[in-house]
Amino acid sequence: MKKAFVVLILLNICMLTNGQDANYSQFYANPLYLNPGFTGTSAAPRLVVNYRNQWPQKGNTYVNYSLSCDQYFKKMKGGDWVRSFKTAPN
């Protein structure tokens, strides 16, 4: 009974969420979207901002925004990053 209730709740959550994976035509210009393993691969801090208006000629278009920032830290001997996406119908 408890397991069926959890499955029912998870299915309802999945039905309530909406999403679309952003399709950037120049995906290499957004390295953390392409592969998060690229975090901290540059010596200087890196800030990337992307914008895409998908199918602007059609009536209901998707507008994608992407912001990411990463940096290499010597003490960590690795990188750390922050990434944010916004996909919304126009």
Foldseek 3Di string as FASTA:
>chain_A
DVVVVVVVVVVVVVVPDDDDDDDDPPVVQPVCSVPVQCAAVDADKDKGWDWDWAPPVDDWTKIKIKIKIKHADPVVNGMDMDIDMDIDID
